[in-house]
Amino acid sequence: MLRDTLQRPLHDLRVSLTDHCNFRCSYCLPAELSRHELHRAPAAGKLTRDEHVRLIRIFTRLGVRKIRLTGGEPLLYKELAPLISDLREIPEIGDLALTTNGYLLERFAQPLKDAGLMRVNVSLDAMDDTVFGRMNGVGAGVARVLTGIAAAKRAGLDPVKVNMVVKRGVNDQGVMDMVREFRRTGVVLRFIEFMDVGNRNHWRPEDVVPTRDLVRRIDSHYPLTPIGPVRNQVAERYRYADGSGEIGFISSISRPFCGGCDRGRLTSAGQFVTCLFAAGGLDLRTPLRDGSTDTDIRRLIAATWNGRADRYSELRTAIRRNGEVVPEKVEMYQIGG
């Protein structure tokens, strides 16, 4: 198993299938960006289905056991179900999941389950249509996402998880609405601190609602009991004391978890990125298409991971306090969440 300079293994691979999305969420792909400002790969520069499968198979030989398919919006990827079927043929993959905005999920939930998808995460940032429409940038309503979540539950894509990015003064007033919607449903609701991913989301520390504040707020209405940490999971997990379900918190800002991060990311253009906040990645598409062997590519990946020292979330506060220039980062729509 590979180890980086901080002795972290490579266990989890996030695979971005496309950098296109039908939403324009403010923290990922802000609506004010023109098409000229978007750094999307041309069609010929994106990995084919066979190239995805080959690279993922190589990654599993290096210790990857968990694959999460992301975007952009992965349900826009035309060969999604066949790709999932291909990946289920790789014996080393023990967990195959997908993250989606849920808008197209009603149509795809059962076919993707039939193809071999195991789990799904749905991004939903508010129960109020006005707030949600403003955050997703296209005015999309909540009802269609809820219908998609219901379809995923019927299909058996368990556990269905719903992720809410919380931004102060924008949607934090709707936290309890989300809690009331998903308690007693079997859906695991998770709150994510607003992060400075990419370079275009106008992130400010004062816009972050820390996990401790959310836990206190929810606990005052529905008492919470901590659940012990699980290996390879970044969420702080709680269960409702009355037995009505589980809830989680992802605290990259207030409680960084860099020390246990075992995630790599593969963009739709074939860049291997070693951190959500990285400035760039290792080009794997070129050697893939230039005739390099699997062994050659495996060595490139191994050398990159062995030299990895990323821990931006742990250094963020000091960088900003010292007035250092924050480096340009890969955009979220290019590497998923």
Protein backbone atom coordinates (compact mmCIF):
# COMPACT_ATOMS: atom_id res chain seq x y z
CA MET A 1 0.00 0.00 0.00
CA LEU A 2 1.21 3.47 -0.90
CA ARG A 3 2.07 5.98 1.83
CA ASP A 4 2.60 9.71 1.40
CA THR A 5 5.09 11.83 3.36
CA LEU A 6 2.64 11.91 6.30
CA GLN A 7 2.10 8.14 6.12
CA ARG A 8 -1.42 8.46 4.69
CA PRO A 9 -2.49 5.64 2.35
CA LEU A 10 -4.34 6.02 -0.94
CA HIS A 11 -7.66 4.31 -0.25
CA ASP A 12 -10.40 6.51 -1.74
CA LEU A 13 -10.59 7.83 -5.33
CA ARG A 14 -13.04 10.54 -6.38
CA VAL A 15 -13.60 10.29 -10.14
CA SER A 16 -15.02 13.34 -11.93
CA LEU A 17 -16.78 12.08 -15.06
CA THR A 18 -17.64 15.50 -16.48
CA ASP A 19 -17.01 19.15 -15.71
CA HIS A 20 -20.49 20.12 -16.94
CA CYS A 21 -23.46 20.63 -14.62
CA ASN A 22 -27.14 21.59 -14.93
CA PHE A 23 -26.80 23.72 -11.76
CA ARG A 24 -24.65 26.79 -11.13
CA CYS A 25 -24.20 26.55 -7.36
CA SER A 26 -22.63 29.62 -5.80
CA TYR A 27 -19.90 27.68 -3.96
CA CYS A 28 -18.87 25.60 -6.98
CA LEU A 29 -19.80 27.03 -10.39
CA PRO A 30 -21.12 30.56 -9.77
CA ALA A 31 -23.70 31.73 -12.30
CA GLU A 32 -21.86 34.99 -12.94
CA LEU A 33 -18.96 33.15 -14.59
CA SER A 34 -19.13 33.40 -18.36
CA ARG A 35 -18.36 30.45 -20.59
CA HIS A 36 -15.04 32.12 -21.40
CA GLU A 37 -14.06 32.01 -17.73
CA LEU A 38 -14.82 28.30 -17.36
CA HIS A 39 -11.83 26.05 -17.80
CA ARG A 40 -13.58 23.04 -19.27
CA ALA A 41 -11.75 20.34 -21.14
CA PRO A 42 -12.68 19.89 -24.82
CA ALA A 43 -14.53 16.68 -25.66
CA ALA A 44 -11.42 15.11 -27.21
CA GLY A 45 -9.48 15.89 -24.06
CA LYS A 46 -11.80 13.99 -21.74
CA LEU A 47 -11.27 10.42 -20.74
CA THR A 48 -13.32 7.80 -22.52
CA ARG A 49 -15.19 5.11 -20.65
CA ASP A 50 -12.48 2.55 -21.41
CA GLU A 51 -9.79 4.98 -20.23
CA HIS A 52 -11.67 5.55 -16.99
CA VAL A 53 -11.89 1.82 -16.38
CA ARG A 54 -8.23 1.25 -17.18
CA LEU A 55 -7.03 4.02 -14.87
CA ILE A 56 -9.33 3.01 -12.04
CA ARG A 57 -8.12 -0.57 -12.33
CA ILE A 58 -4.54 0.68 -12.03
CA PHE A 59 -5.47 2.69 -8.94
CA THR A 60 -6.96 -0.40 -7.30
CA ARG A 61 -3.61 -2.15 -7.75
CA LEU A 62 -2.16 0.62 -5.58
CA GLY A 63 -4.63 0.19 -2.73
CA VAL A 64 -7.78 2.09 -3.76
CA ARG A 65 -10.88 0.28 -2.50
CA LYS A 66 -13.52 3.01 -2.60
CA ILE A 67 -14.68 4.79 -5.75
CA ARG A 68 -17.00 7.79 -5.74
CA LEU A 69 -18.25 9.09 -9.10
CA THR A 70 -18.67 12.87 -9.20
CA GLY A 71 -18.79 15.78 -11.62
CA GLY A 72 -19.77 18.45 -12.42
CA GLU A 73 -23.00 16.48 -12.46
CA PRO A 74 -22.28 12.78 -13.12
CA LEU A 75 -25.84 12.02 -14.28
CA LEU A 76 -24.99 14.05 -17.40
CA TYR A 77 -22.32 11.47 -18.32
CA LYS A 78 -23.89 9.47 -21.16
CA GLU A 79 -22.22 6.13 -20.41
CA LEU A 80 -22.77 6.16 -16.67
CA ALA A 81 -24.63 2.86 -16.28
CA PRO A 82 -22.23 0.91 -18.55
CA LEU A 83 -19.27 2.42 -16.70
CA ILE A 84 -20.72 1.34 -13.37
CA SER A 85 -21.21 -2.18 -14.75
CA ASP A 86 -17.58 -2.22 -15.85
CA LEU A 87 -16.36 -1.06 -12.44
CA ARG A 88 -18.33 -3.73 -10.61
CA GLU A 89 -16.17 -6.25 -12.47
CA ILE A 90 -13.07 -4.98 -10.65
CA PRO A 91 -12.86 -7.23 -7.56
CA GLU A 92 -10.79 -4.82 -5.45
CA ILE A 93 -13.57 -2.19 -5.39
CA GLY A 94 -15.50 -2.64 -2.17
CA ASP A 95 -17.55 0.56 -2.28
CA LEU A 96 -18.95 2.23 -5.39
CA ALA A 97 -20.92 5.43 -4.76
CA LEU A 98 -22.07 8.54 -6.59
CA THR A 99 -22.60 12.19 -5.66
CA THR A 100 -25.31 14.10 -7.53
CA ASN A 101 -27.46 17.21 -7.25
CA GLY A 102 -30.42 14.85 -7.54
CA TYR A 103 -32.33 16.76 -10.19
CA LEU A 104 -32.25 13.85 -12.67
CA LEU A 105 -32.11 11.09 -10.08
CA GLU A 106 -35.71 9.87 -10.33
CA ARG A 107 -35.04 8.69 -13.87
CA PHE A 108 -31.66 7.12 -13.17
CA ALA A 109 -31.87 5.65 -9.66
CA GLN A 110 -33.14 2.17 -10.54
CA PRO A 111 -31.03 1.70 -13.72
CA LEU A 112 -27.89 2.70 -11.81
CA LYS A 113 -28.74 0.31 -8.97
CA ASP A 114 -29.30 -2.44 -11.53
CA ALA A 115 -25.90 -1.63 -13.07
CA GLY A 116 -24.21 -2.11 -9.69
CA LEU A 117 -24.13 1.29 -7.97
CA MET A 118 -24.15 0.79 -4.22
CA ARG A 119 -24.82 4.20 -2.62
CA VAL A 120 -25.72 7.77 -3.49
CA ASN A 121 -25.15 11.20 -1.92
CA VAL A 122 -27.47 14.04 -2.90
CA SER A 123 -26.58 17.72 -2.54
CA LEU A 124 -29.50 19.79 -1.22
CA ASP A 125 -28.87 23.15 0.41
CA ALA A 126 -32.34 24.27 1.51
CA MET A 127 -35.97 23.21 1.82
CA ASP A 128 -37.19 26.66 0.80
CA ASP A 129 -37.60 26.98 -2.98
CA THR A 130 -36.49 30.60 -3.09
CA VAL A 131 -33.32 30.00 -1.09
CA PHE A 132 -32.53 26.79 -2.94
CA GLY A 133 -33.15 28.36 -6.34
CA ARG A 134 -30.83 31.23 -5.50
CA MET A 135 -28.11 28.86 -4.31
CA ASN A 136 -28.31 26.50 -7.29
CA GLY A 137 -28.16 29.48 -9.64
CA VAL A 138 -30.82 28.24 -12.07
CA GLY A 139 -33.97 28.56 -9.97
CA ALA A 140 -34.49 24.80 -9.64
CA GLY A 141 -37.06 23.80 -7.04
CA VAL A 142 -36.76 21.40 -4.13
CA ALA A 143 -39.60 19.02 -5.05
CA ARG A 144 -37.80 17.35 -7.95
CA VAL A 145 -34.73 16.66 -5.80
CA LEU A 146 -36.93 15.15 -3.08
CA THR A 147 -38.54 12.94 -5.71
CA GLY A 148 -35.07 11.78 -6.74
CA ILE A 149 -34.15 11.00 -3.15
CA ALA A 150 -37.33 8.94 -2.77
CA ALA A 151 -36.49 7.05 -5.97
CA ALA A 152 -32.99 6.30 -4.67
CA LYS A 153 -34.47 4.90 -1.46
CA ARG A 154 -36.92 2.70 -3.40
CA ALA A 155 -34.07 1.43 -5.55
CA GLY A 156 -32.07 0.40 -2.48
CA LEU A 157 -29.17 2.83 -2.89
CA ASP A 158 -28.64 2.71 0.86
CA PRO A 159 -27.81 4.60 2.87
CA VAL A 160 -28.94 7.67 0.95
CA LYS A 161 -27.05 10.68 2.28
CA VAL A 162 -28.08 14.30 1.81
CA ASN A 163 -25.35 16.94 1.98
CA MET A 164 -26.11 20.56 2.87
CA VAL A 165 -23.41 23.23 2.51
CA VAL A 166 -24.20 25.83 5.18
CA LYS A 167 -23.40 29.48 4.51
CA ARG A 168 -24.11 32.13 7.12
CA GLY A 169 -26.81 34.60 6.16
CA VAL A 170 -27.72 32.59 3.06
CA ASN A 171 -29.25 29.28 4.10
CA ASP A 172 -28.28 28.73 7.74
CA GLN A 173 -31.74 29.78 8.86
CA GLY A 174 -33.07 26.61 7.16
CA VAL A 175 -30.98 24.08 9.08
CA MET A 176 -33.83 22.95 11.31
CA ASP A 177 -36.16 22.61 8.30
CA MET A 178 -33.68 20.14 6.84
CA VAL A 179 -33.48 18.25 10.12
CA ARG A 180 -37.26 17.96 10.38
CA GLU A 181 -37.53 16.82 6.75
CA PHE A 182 -35.14 13.90 7.04
CA ARG A 183 -35.52 12.67 10.62
CA ARG A 184 -37.20 9.24 10.76
CA THR A 185 -36.73 8.66 7.02
CA GLY A 186 -33.55 6.56 7.04
CA VAL A 187 -31.76 9.31 5.09
CA VAL A 188 -28.49 10.47 6.68
CA LEU A 189 -28.36 14.27 6.67
CA ARG A 190 -24.89 15.82 6.71
CA PHE A 191 -23.94 19.46 7.16
CA ILE A 192 -20.79 20.73 5.42
CA GLU A 193 -18.96 23.87 6.46
CA PHE A 194 -18.69 26.38 3.60
CA MET A 195 -15.17 25.87 2.18
CA ASP A 196 -12.79 27.91 0.06
CA VAL A 197 -12.66 25.37 -2.73
CA GLY A 198 -11.56 26.84 -6.05
CA ASN A 199 -11.04 30.55 -6.61
CA ARG A 200 -14.46 31.99 -7.53
CA ASN A 201 -16.87 31.42 -4.63
CA HIS A 202 -16.00 34.61 -2.66
CA TRP A 203 -15.22 32.63 0.49
CA ARG A 204 -14.82 34.54 3.76
CA PRO A 205 -14.20 33.03 7.22
CA GLU A 206 -17.15 34.97 8.63
CA ASP A 207 -19.51 33.12 6.27
CA VAL A 208 -18.69 29.78 7.89
CA VAL A 209 -21.11 28.34 10.44
CA PRO A 210 -18.90 26.11 12.61
CA THR A 211 -19.99 22.58 13.33
CA ARG A 212 -20.07 23.23 17.08
CA ASP A 213 -22.77 25.87 16.56
CA LEU A 214 -24.86 23.55 14.42
CA VAL A 215 -24.55 20.68 16.89
CA ARG A 216 -25.62 22.98 19.72
CA ARG A 217 -28.59 24.28 17.74
CA ILE A 218 -29.86 20.86 16.68
CA ASP A 219 -29.20 19.25 20.06
CA SER A 220 -31.38 21.87 21.77
CA HIS A 221 -34.37 20.60 19.76
CA TYR A 222 -33.47 16.95 19.23
CA PRO A 223 -30.81 15.64 21.64
CA LEU A 224 -27.82 14.06 19.92
CA THR A 225 -25.49 11.24 20.96
CA PRO A 226 -22.01 10.97 19.39
CA ILE A 227 -21.13 7.88 17.36
CA GLY A 228 -17.52 6.72 17.48
CA PRO A 229 -15.32 7.48 14.46
CA VAL A 230 -15.18 5.02 11.57
CA ARG A 231 -11.99 4.49 9.58
CA ASN A 232 -11.86 6.41 6.29
CA GLN A 233 -14.88 8.57 7.13
CA VAL A 234 -14.43 12.32 7.54
CA ALA A 235 -17.87 13.11 8.96
CA GLU A 236 -18.42 13.52 12.68
CA ARG A 237 -21.40 11.26 13.27
CA TYR A 238 -24.25 11.55 15.75
CA ARG A 239 -27.50 9.70 16.30
CA TYR A 240 -30.69 11.21 17.60
CA ALA A 241 -31.14 10.14 21.20
CA ASP A 242 -34.76 9.16 20.49
CA GLY A 243 -33.63 6.65 17.84
CA SER A 244 -34.96 8.63 14.88
CA GLY A 245 -31.83 8.35 12.76
CA GLU A 246 -28.28 9.54 12.14
CA ILE A 247 -26.82 12.94 11.30
CA GLY A 248 -23.30 14.01 10.36
CA PHE A 249 -21.04 17.07 10.15
CA ILE A 250 -18.06 17.69 7.86
CA SER A 251 -15.83 20.32 9.43
CA SER A 252 -12.98 21.11 7.08
CA ILE A 253 -12.69 24.66 8.38
CA SER A 254 -13.15 24.42 12.16
CA ARG A 255 -11.79 20.90 12.66
CA PRO A 256 -9.50 20.00 9.74
CA PHE A 257 -8.98 16.30 9.11
CA CYS A 258 -5.95 16.46 6.80
CA GLY A 259 -4.03 14.03 8.99
CA GLY A 260 -6.37 11.20 8.07
CA CYS A 261 -7.08 12.13 4.45
CA ASP A 262 -6.61 9.14 2.14
CA ARG A 263 -8.41 10.60 -0.89
CA GLY A 264 -7.14 11.19 -4.37
CA ARG A 265 -9.08 12.74 -7.23
CA LEU A 266 -9.17 12.05 -10.97
CA THR A 267 -10.55 14.76 -13.25
CA SER A 268 -12.52 14.12 -16.43
CA ALA A 269 -9.42 15.25 -18.35
CA GLY A 270 -7.22 12.65 -16.67
CA GLN A 271 -5.46 14.79 -14.06
CA PHE A 272 -4.61 13.02 -10.79
CA VAL A 273 -5.14 15.59 -8.02
CA THR A 274 -3.96 14.81 -4.50
CA CYS A 275 -5.96 17.40 -2.53
CA LEU A 276 -9.30 19.20 -2.81
CA PHE A 277 -7.34 22.47 -2.49
CA ALA A 278 -4.49 21.57 -4.86
CA ALA A 279 -3.25 23.93 -7.56
CA GLY A 280 -3.07 21.23 -10.23
CA GLY A 281 -2.45 17.59 -10.86
CA LEU A 282 -0.48 14.86 -12.59
CA ASP A 283 -1.35 14.36 -16.26
CA LEU A 284 -2.28 10.71 -16.77
CA ARG A 285 -4.15 11.15 -20.04
CA THR A 286 -1.00 11.77 -22.08
CA PRO A 287 0.87 8.61 -21.03
CA LEU A 288 -2.38 6.68 -21.29
CA ARG A 289 -2.70 7.68 -24.94
CA ASP A 290 0.99 7.58 -25.78
CA GLY A 291 1.33 3.85 -25.27
CA SER A 292 2.60 3.69 -21.69
CA THR A 293 2.05 0.38 -19.95
CA ASP A 294 -0.01 -0.08 -16.81
CA THR A 295 3.25 -0.50 -14.93
CA ASP A 296 4.54 2.82 -16.26
CA ILE A 297 1.39 4.63 -15.19
CA ARG A 298 1.34 2.90 -11.83
CA ARG A 299 4.86 4.16 -11.17
CA LEU A 300 3.84 7.73 -12.04
CA ILE A 301 0.91 7.58 -9.62
CA ALA A 302 3.01 6.00 -6.90
CA ALA A 303 5.75 8.60 -7.18
CA THR A 304 3.21 11.42 -6.95
CA TRP A 305 1.45 9.97 -3.93
CA ASN A 306 4.70 9.08 -2.17
CA GLY A 307 5.71 12.75 -2.41
CA ARG A 308 2.34 14.10 -1.27
CA ALA A 309 2.46 16.54 1.65
CA ASP A 310 -0.90 18.31 1.22
CA ARG A 311 -2.57 19.69 4.36
CA TYR A 312 -4.03 23.00 3.27
CA SER A 313 -6.98 22.93 5.69
CA GLU A 314 -4.60 22.65 8.64
CA LEU A 315 -2.50 25.56 7.34
CA ARG A 316 -5.33 27.82 6.12
CA THR A 317 -5.62 29.99 9.22
CA ALA A 318 -1.88 30.61 9.49
CA ILE A 319 -1.60 31.42 5.78
CA ARG A 320 -4.31 34.04 6.00
CA ARG A 321 -3.16 35.42 9.36
CA ASN A 322 0.35 35.90 8.00
CA GLY A 323 -0.92 37.67 4.91
CA GLU A 324 0.51 35.03 2.60
CA VAL A 325 -0.87 34.73 -0.91
CA VAL A 326 -3.35 31.88 -1.14
CA PRO A 327 -2.36 29.83 -4.18
CA GLU A 328 -4.72 29.32 -7.09
CA LYS A 329 -6.68 26.10 -6.67
CA VAL A 330 -8.37 23.63 -8.98
CA GLU A 331 -12.04 24.54 -9.35
CA MET A 332 -14.62 22.38 -7.58
CA TYR A 333 -16.59 21.63 -10.76
CA GLN A 334 -13.44 20.02 -12.17
CA ILE A 335 -12.80 17.64 -9.29
CA GLY A 336 -16.12 17.15 -7.51
CA GLY A 337 -16.60 17.47 -3.76
